[in-house]
Amino acid sequence: MRDPHHHRDHGDDRDGFEKRPGRERGGRGPRVFAPGDLKLLLPALIAEQPCHGYDLIRRIETLFDGAYSPSPGVIYPTLTFLEESELIAGDAEGGKKRYTITDAGRLFLSEQAVALDGIRLRMEVSKRSLRGHDRPPEIHEAVHNLRHALHSHHGRWSPEEIVRVAALLNSTAQAIADGKAQ
């Protein structure tokens, strides 16, 4: 069996968002999963119920109340990695693979229970954020304006500009944090 902790470039540098209009980052939303999260979440979902790759995409979409759907370009390479690592097994059924958890996969999930709880907690936070429940629309728009200003910068940052902009951002962040404590 291959080491399930060994990381390959099977989707770790991608966040799994399908392109949707109106989101930041060129039509994509904020990162939902940290690198490696899907390598733990997918076996957990498969352990709950054997399924096809498409079913996993829909199940994750349901977990996010429809606010997020991972792309096949992230799900299928991760499934391939998990299968090669012998954490899941894929059986061809009518031209589509149906994935089941293996004994090694069950052991892996039991060893990673705390990490899986952390992923599920981050998913709840992301779900609120994606649905706009994390901040009022005025704050969301202000953050969008800030991102736009940073992305619109000509890209040639002088040392003085770096210091000035970093100081503005840090002092604003501190003022927001201080306001919460009052």
C-alpha atoms as a PDB file:
ATOM      1  CA  MET A   1       0.000   0.000   0.000  1.00  0.00           C
ATOM      2  CA  ARG A   2       1.203   3.470  -0.789  1.00  0.00           C
ATOM      3  CA  ASP A   3       1.571   5.958   2.023  1.00  0.00           C
ATOM      4  CA  PRO A   4      -1.746   7.895   2.223  1.00  0.00           C
ATOM      5  CA  HIS A   5       0.139  10.811   3.765  1.00  0.00           C
ATOM      6  CA  HIS A   6       2.337  11.136   0.677  1.00  0.00           C
ATOM      7  CA  HIS A   7       1.187  14.184  -1.241  1.00  0.00           C
ATOM      8  CA  ARG A   8       0.997  14.307  -4.993  1.00  0.00           C
ATOM      9  CA  ASP A   9      -0.292  17.054  -7.195  1.00  0.00           C
ATOM     10  CA  HIS A  10      -3.762  15.535  -7.572  1.00  0.00           C
ATOM     11  CA  GLY A  11      -5.767  18.675  -7.047  1.00  0.00           C
ATOM     12  CA  ASP A  12      -3.977  20.046  -3.987  1.00  0.00           C
ATOM     13  CA  ASP A  13      -3.243  23.381  -5.618  1.00  0.00           C
ATOM     14  CA  ARG A  14      -6.805  23.841  -6.848  1.00  0.00           C
ATOM     15  CA  ASP A  15      -9.767  24.855  -4.732  1.00  0.00           C
ATOM     16  CA  GLY A  16     -12.449  22.957  -6.608  1.00  0.00           C
ATOM     17  CA  PHE A  17     -14.728  25.817  -7.558  1.00  0.00           C
ATOM     18  CA  GLU A  18     -16.648  25.658 -10.776  1.00  0.00           C
ATOM     19  CA  LYS A  19     -16.607  29.000 -12.519  1.00  0.00           C
ATOM     20  CA  ARG A  20     -19.657  31.019 -11.631  1.00  0.00           C
ATOM     21  CA  PRO A  21     -20.323  34.643 -12.521  1.00  0.00           C
ATOM     22  CA  GLY A  22     -20.194  37.300  -9.842  1.00  0.00           C
ATOM     23  CA  ARG A  23     -17.552  35.719  -7.658  1.00  0.00           C
ATOM     24  CA  GLU A  24     -14.080  37.045  -6.898  1.00  0.00           C
ATOM     25  CA  ARG A  25     -10.855  35.633  -8.392  1.00  0.00           C
ATOM     26  CA  GLY A  26     -11.866  35.625 -12.026  1.00  0.00           C
ATOM     27  CA  GLY A  27     -15.336  34.225 -11.458  1.00  0.00           C
ATOM     28  CA  ARG A  28     -14.326  31.823  -8.685  1.00  0.00           C
ATOM     29  CA  GLY A  29     -15.218  32.083  -5.040  1.00  0.00           C
ATOM     30  CA  PRO A  30     -12.992  31.946  -1.985  1.00  0.00           C
ATOM     31  CA  ARG A  31     -11.096  28.742  -1.218  1.00  0.00           C
ATOM     32  CA  VAL A  32     -13.360  26.199   0.478  1.00  0.00           C
ATOM     33  CA  PHE A  33     -11.007  23.275   1.044  1.00  0.00           C
ATOM     34  CA  ALA A  34      -7.442  23.441   2.294  1.00  0.00           C
ATOM     35  CA  PRO A  35      -4.896  21.329   0.416  1.00  0.00           C
ATOM     36  CA  GLY A  36      -5.470  17.691   1.316  1.00  0.00           C
ATOM     37  CA  ASP A  37      -8.995  18.161   2.732  1.00  0.00           C
ATOM     38  CA  LEU A  38     -10.662  16.288  -0.109  1.00  0.00           C
ATOM     39  CA  LYS A  39      -8.266  13.375   0.394  1.00  0.00           C
ATOM     40  CA  LEU A  40      -9.918  12.916   3.777  1.00  0.00           C
ATOM     41  CA  LEU A  41     -13.468  14.042   3.052  1.00  0.00           C
ATOM     42  CA  LEU A  42     -14.009  11.828   0.001  1.00  0.00           C
ATOM     43  CA  PRO A  43     -13.138   8.560   1.781  1.00  0.00           C
ATOM     44  CA  ALA A  44     -15.382   9.631   4.670  1.00  0.00           C
ATOM     45  CA  LEU A  45     -18.300  10.207   2.304  1.00  0.00           C
ATOM     46  CA  ILE A  46     -17.605   6.920   0.512  1.00  0.00           C
ATOM     47  CA  ALA A  47     -17.490   5.113   3.890  1.00  0.00           C
ATOM     48  CA  GLU A  48     -20.980   6.480   4.612  1.00  0.00           C
ATOM     49  CA  GLN A  49     -22.312   5.284   1.253  1.00  0.00           C
ATOM     50  CA  PRO A  50     -20.507   3.742  -1.751  1.00  0.00           C
ATOM     51  CA  CYS A  51     -21.024   5.940  -4.796  1.00  0.00           C
ATOM     52  CA  HIS A  52     -19.799   7.284  -8.147  1.00  0.00           C
ATOM     53  CA  GLY A  53     -17.685  10.410  -8.590  1.00  0.00           C
ATOM     54  CA  TYR A  54     -20.665  12.397  -9.819  1.00  0.00           C
ATOM     55  CA  ASP A  55     -22.597  11.361  -6.699  1.00  0.00           C
ATOM     56  CA  LEU A  56     -19.770  12.733  -4.546  1.00  0.00           C
ATOM     57  CA  ILE A  57     -19.926  16.068  -6.349  1.00  0.00           C
ATOM     58  CA  ARG A  58     -23.677  16.255  -5.690  1.00  0.00           C
ATOM     59  CA  ARG A  59     -23.298  15.160  -2.055  1.00  0.00           C
ATOM     60  CA  ILE A  60     -20.740  17.905  -1.411  1.00  0.00           C
ATOM     61  CA  GLU A  61     -23.002  20.396  -3.157  1.00  0.00           C
ATOM     62  CA  THR A  62     -25.818  19.301  -0.818  1.00  0.00           C
ATOM     63  CA  LEU A  63     -23.553  19.726   2.220  1.00  0.00           C
ATOM     64  CA  PHE A  64     -23.114  23.355   1.105  1.00  0.00           C
ATOM     65  CA  ASP A  65     -26.858  23.847   0.495  1.00  0.00           C
ATOM     66  CA  GLY A  66     -26.125  24.329  -3.206  1.00  0.00           C
ATOM     67  CA  ALA A  67     -23.785  27.297  -2.632  1.00  0.00           C
ATOM     68  CA  TYR A  68     -20.704  25.340  -3.770  1.00  0.00           C
ATOM     69  CA  SER A  69     -20.063  22.497  -6.173  1.00  0.00           C
ATOM     70  CA  PRO A  70     -16.594  20.988  -6.589  1.00  0.00           C
ATOM     71  CA  SER A  71     -15.411  20.588 -10.151  1.00  0.00           C
ATOM     72  CA  PRO A  72     -14.829  17.172 -11.713  1.00  0.00           C
ATOM     73  CA  GLY A  73     -11.247  18.374 -12.390  1.00  0.00           C
ATOM     74  CA  VAL A  74     -10.605  18.261  -8.646  1.00  0.00           C
ATOM     75  CA  ILE A  75     -12.758  15.300  -7.618  1.00  0.00           C
ATOM     76  CA  TYR A  76     -11.636  12.706 -10.168  1.00  0.00           C
ATOM     77  CA  PRO A  77      -7.857  13.152  -9.760  1.00  0.00           C
ATOM     78  CA  THR A  78      -8.346  12.935  -5.984  1.00  0.00           C
ATOM     79  CA  LEU A  79     -10.347   9.709  -6.415  1.00  0.00           C
ATOM     80  CA  THR A  80      -7.538   8.331  -8.573  1.00  0.00           C
ATOM     81  CA  PHE A  81      -5.000   9.189  -5.872  1.00  0.00           C
ATOM     82  CA  LEU A  82      -7.154   7.561  -3.168  1.00  0.00           C
ATOM     83  CA  GLU A  83      -7.600   4.446  -5.296  1.00  0.00           C
ATOM     84  CA  GLU A  84      -3.854   4.214  -6.003  1.00  0.00           C
ATOM     85  CA  SER A  85      -3.265   4.612  -2.265  1.00  0.00           C
ATOM     86  CA  GLU A  86      -5.658   1.688  -1.690  1.00  0.00           C
ATOM     87  CA  LEU A  87      -7.888   3.771   0.606  1.00  0.00           C
ATOM     88  CA  ILE A  88     -10.852   3.255  -1.722  1.00  0.00           C
ATOM     89  CA  ALA A  89     -11.652   0.719  -4.424  1.00  0.00           C
ATOM     90  CA  GLY A  90     -13.379   1.512  -7.699  1.00  0.00           C
ATOM     91  CA  ASP A  91     -15.435  -1.102  -9.502  1.00  0.00           C
ATOM     92  CA  ALA A  92     -16.559  -0.390 -13.067  1.00  0.00           C
ATOM     93  CA  GLU A  93     -20.321  -0.613 -13.246  1.00  0.00           C
ATOM     94  CA  GLY A  94     -22.028   0.237 -16.506  1.00  0.00           C
ATOM     95  CA  GLY A  95     -19.006   2.245 -17.625  1.00  0.00           C
ATOM     96  CA  LYS A  96     -18.885   4.268 -14.386  1.00  0.00           C
ATOM     97  CA  LYS A  97     -16.753   3.505 -11.358  1.00  0.00           C
ATOM     98  CA  ARG A  98     -18.519   2.925  -8.083  1.00  0.00           C
ATOM     99  CA  TYR A  99     -16.221   3.609  -5.154  1.00  0.00           C
ATOM    100  CA  THR A 100     -16.178   1.759  -1.834  1.00  0.00           C
ATOM    101  CA  ILE A 101     -14.005   2.211   1.234  1.00  0.00           C
ATOM    102  CA  THR A 102     -11.277  -0.366   1.901  1.00  0.00           C
ATOM    103  CA  ASP A 103     -10.091  -1.684   5.256  1.00  0.00           C
ATOM    104  CA  ALA A 104      -7.005   0.525   4.887  1.00  0.00           C
ATOM    105  CA  GLY A 105      -9.340   3.454   4.210  1.00  0.00           C
ATOM    106  CA  ARG A 106     -11.363   2.732   7.375  1.00  0.00           C
ATOM    107  CA  LEU A 107      -8.143   2.613   9.399  1.00  0.00           C
ATOM    108  CA  PHE A 108      -6.979   5.871   7.805  1.00  0.00           C
ATOM    109  CA  LEU A 109     -10.314   7.551   8.677  1.00  0.00           C
ATOM    110  CA  SER A 110     -10.129   6.366  12.292  1.00  0.00           C
ATOM    111  CA  GLU A 111      -6.593   7.736  12.582  1.00  0.00           C
ATOM    112  CA  GLN A 112      -7.698  11.050  11.059  1.00  0.00           C
ATOM    113  CA  ALA A 113     -10.969  11.548  12.973  1.00  0.00           C
ATOM    114  CA  VAL A 114      -9.864  14.839  14.558  1.00  0.00           C
ATOM    115  CA  ALA A 115      -8.692  16.233  11.211  1.00  0.00           C
ATOM    116  CA  LEU A 116     -11.997  15.207   9.611  1.00  0.00           C
ATOM    117  CA  ASP A 117     -13.906  17.045  12.364  1.00  0.00           C
ATOM    118  CA  GLY A 118     -11.822  20.134  11.550  1.00  0.00           C
ATOM    119  CA  ILE A 119     -12.691  19.849   7.861  1.00  0.00           C
ATOM    120  CA  ARG A 120     -16.397  19.585   8.648  1.00  0.00           C
ATOM    121  CA  LEU A 121     -16.168  22.649  10.916  1.00  0.00           C
ATOM    122  CA  ARG A 122     -14.404  24.647   8.177  1.00  0.00           C
ATOM    123  CA  MET A 123     -17.093  23.509   5.741  1.00  0.00           C
ATOM    124  CA  GLU A 124     -19.787  25.003   7.994  1.00  0.00           C
ATOM    125  CA  VAL A 125     -17.889  28.294   8.172  1.00  0.00           C
ATOM    126  CA  SER A 126     -17.398  28.266   4.389  1.00  0.00           C
ATOM    127  CA  LYS A 127     -21.071  27.505   3.829  1.00  0.00           C
ATOM    128  CA  ARG A 128     -22.089  30.580   5.845  1.00  0.00           C
ATOM    129  CA  SER A 129     -19.563  32.672   3.946  1.00  0.00           C
ATOM    130  CA  LEU A 130     -20.674  31.409   0.537  1.00  0.00           C
ATOM    131  CA  ARG A 131     -24.300  32.116   1.360  1.00  0.00           C
ATOM    132  CA  GLY A 132     -23.374  35.632   2.516  1.00  0.00           C
ATOM    133  CA  HIS A 133     -24.243  35.029   6.182  1.00  0.00           C
ATOM    134  CA  ASP A 134     -20.811  35.926   7.429  1.00  0.00           C
ATOM    135  CA  ARG A 135     -21.078  39.695   6.950  1.00  0.00           C
ATOM    136  CA  PRO A 136     -23.529  42.384   5.884  1.00  0.00           C
ATOM    137  CA  PRO A 137     -23.701  43.264   2.159  1.00  0.00           C
ATOM    138  CA  GLU A 138     -22.061  46.653   2.782  1.00  0.00           C
ATOM    139  CA  ILE A 139     -19.020  44.954   4.325  1.00  0.00           C
ATOM    140  CA  HIS A 140     -18.951  42.369   1.539  1.00  0.00           C
ATOM    141  CA  GLU A 141     -18.926  45.174  -1.035  1.00  0.00           C
ATOM    142  CA  ALA A 142     -16.154  47.024   0.812  1.00  0.00           C
ATOM    143  CA  VAL A 143     -14.013  43.861   0.859  1.00  0.00           C
ATOM    144  CA  HIS A 144     -14.725  43.410  -2.853  1.00  0.00           C
ATOM    145  CA  ASN A 145     -13.622  47.020  -3.477  1.00  0.00           C
ATOM    146  CA  LEU A 146     -10.404  46.407  -1.540  1.00  0.00           C
ATOM    147  CA  ARG A 147      -9.635  43.265  -3.543  1.00  0.00           C
ATOM    148  CA  HIS A 148     -10.395  45.115  -6.757  1.00  0.00           C
ATOM    149  CA  ALA A 149      -8.040  47.953  -5.787  1.00  0.00           C
ATOM    150  CA  LEU A 150      -5.251  45.479  -5.026  1.00  0.00           C
ATOM    151  CA  HIS A 151      -5.821  43.510  -8.245  1.00  0.00           C
ATOM    152  CA  SER A 152      -5.999  46.701 -10.298  1.00  0.00           C
ATOM    153  CA  HIS A 153      -2.600  47.865  -9.069  1.00  0.00           C
ATOM    154  CA  HIS A 154      -0.052  48.133 -11.867  1.00  0.00           C
ATOM    155  CA  GLY A 155       2.092  45.450 -10.210  1.00  0.00           C
ATOM    156  CA  ARG A 156       5.250  47.491  -9.807  1.00  0.00           C
ATOM    157  CA  TRP A 157       5.287  47.981  -6.054  1.00  0.00           C
ATOM    158  CA  SER A 158       7.885  50.434  -4.810  1.00  0.00           C
ATOM    159  CA  PRO A 159       9.285  49.825  -1.337  1.00  0.00           C
ATOM    160  CA  GLU A 160       7.409  52.928  -0.123  1.00  0.00           C
ATOM    161  CA  GLU A 161       4.089  51.674  -1.565  1.00  0.00           C
ATOM    162  CA  ILE A 162       4.573  48.290   0.035  1.00  0.00           C
ATOM    163  CA  VAL A 163       5.132  49.868   3.453  1.00  0.00           C
ATOM    164  CA  ARG A 164       2.211  52.309   3.009  1.00  0.00           C
ATOM    165  CA  VAL A 165      -0.339  49.718   1.807  1.00  0.00           C
ATOM    166  CA  ALA A 166       0.756  47.081   4.329  1.00  0.00           C
ATOM    167  CA  ALA A 167       0.447  49.655   7.148  1.00  0.00           C
ATOM    168  CA  LEU A 168      -3.059  50.655   5.957  1.00  0.00           C
ATOM    169  CA  LEU A 169      -4.214  47.038   5.740  1.00  0.00           C
ATOM    170  CA  ASN A 170      -2.677  46.058   9.079  1.00  0.00           C
ATOM    171  CA  SER A 171      -4.067  49.088  10.918  1.00  0.00           C
ATOM    172  CA  THR A 172      -7.516  48.498   9.419  1.00  0.00           C
ATOM    173  CA  ALA A 173      -7.411  44.831  10.419  1.00  0.00           C
ATOM    174  CA  GLN A 174      -6.339  45.805  13.941  1.00  0.00           C
ATOM    175  CA  ALA A 175      -9.102  48.432  14.206  1.00  0.00           C
ATOM    176  CA  ILE A 176     -11.702  45.830  13.159  1.00  0.00           C
ATOM    177  CA  ALA A 177     -10.338  43.278  15.643  1.00  0.00           C
ATOM    178  CA  ASP A 178     -10.248  45.871  18.434  1.00  0.00           C
ATOM    179  CA  GLY A 179     -13.843  46.852  17.696  1.00  0.00           C
ATOM    180  CA  LYS A 180     -15.000  43.248  18.263  1.00  0.00           C
ATOM    181  CA  ALA A 181     -13.459  43.184  21.727  1.00  0.00           C
ATOM    182  CA  GLN A 182     -15.254  46.333  22.902  1.00  0.00           C
END
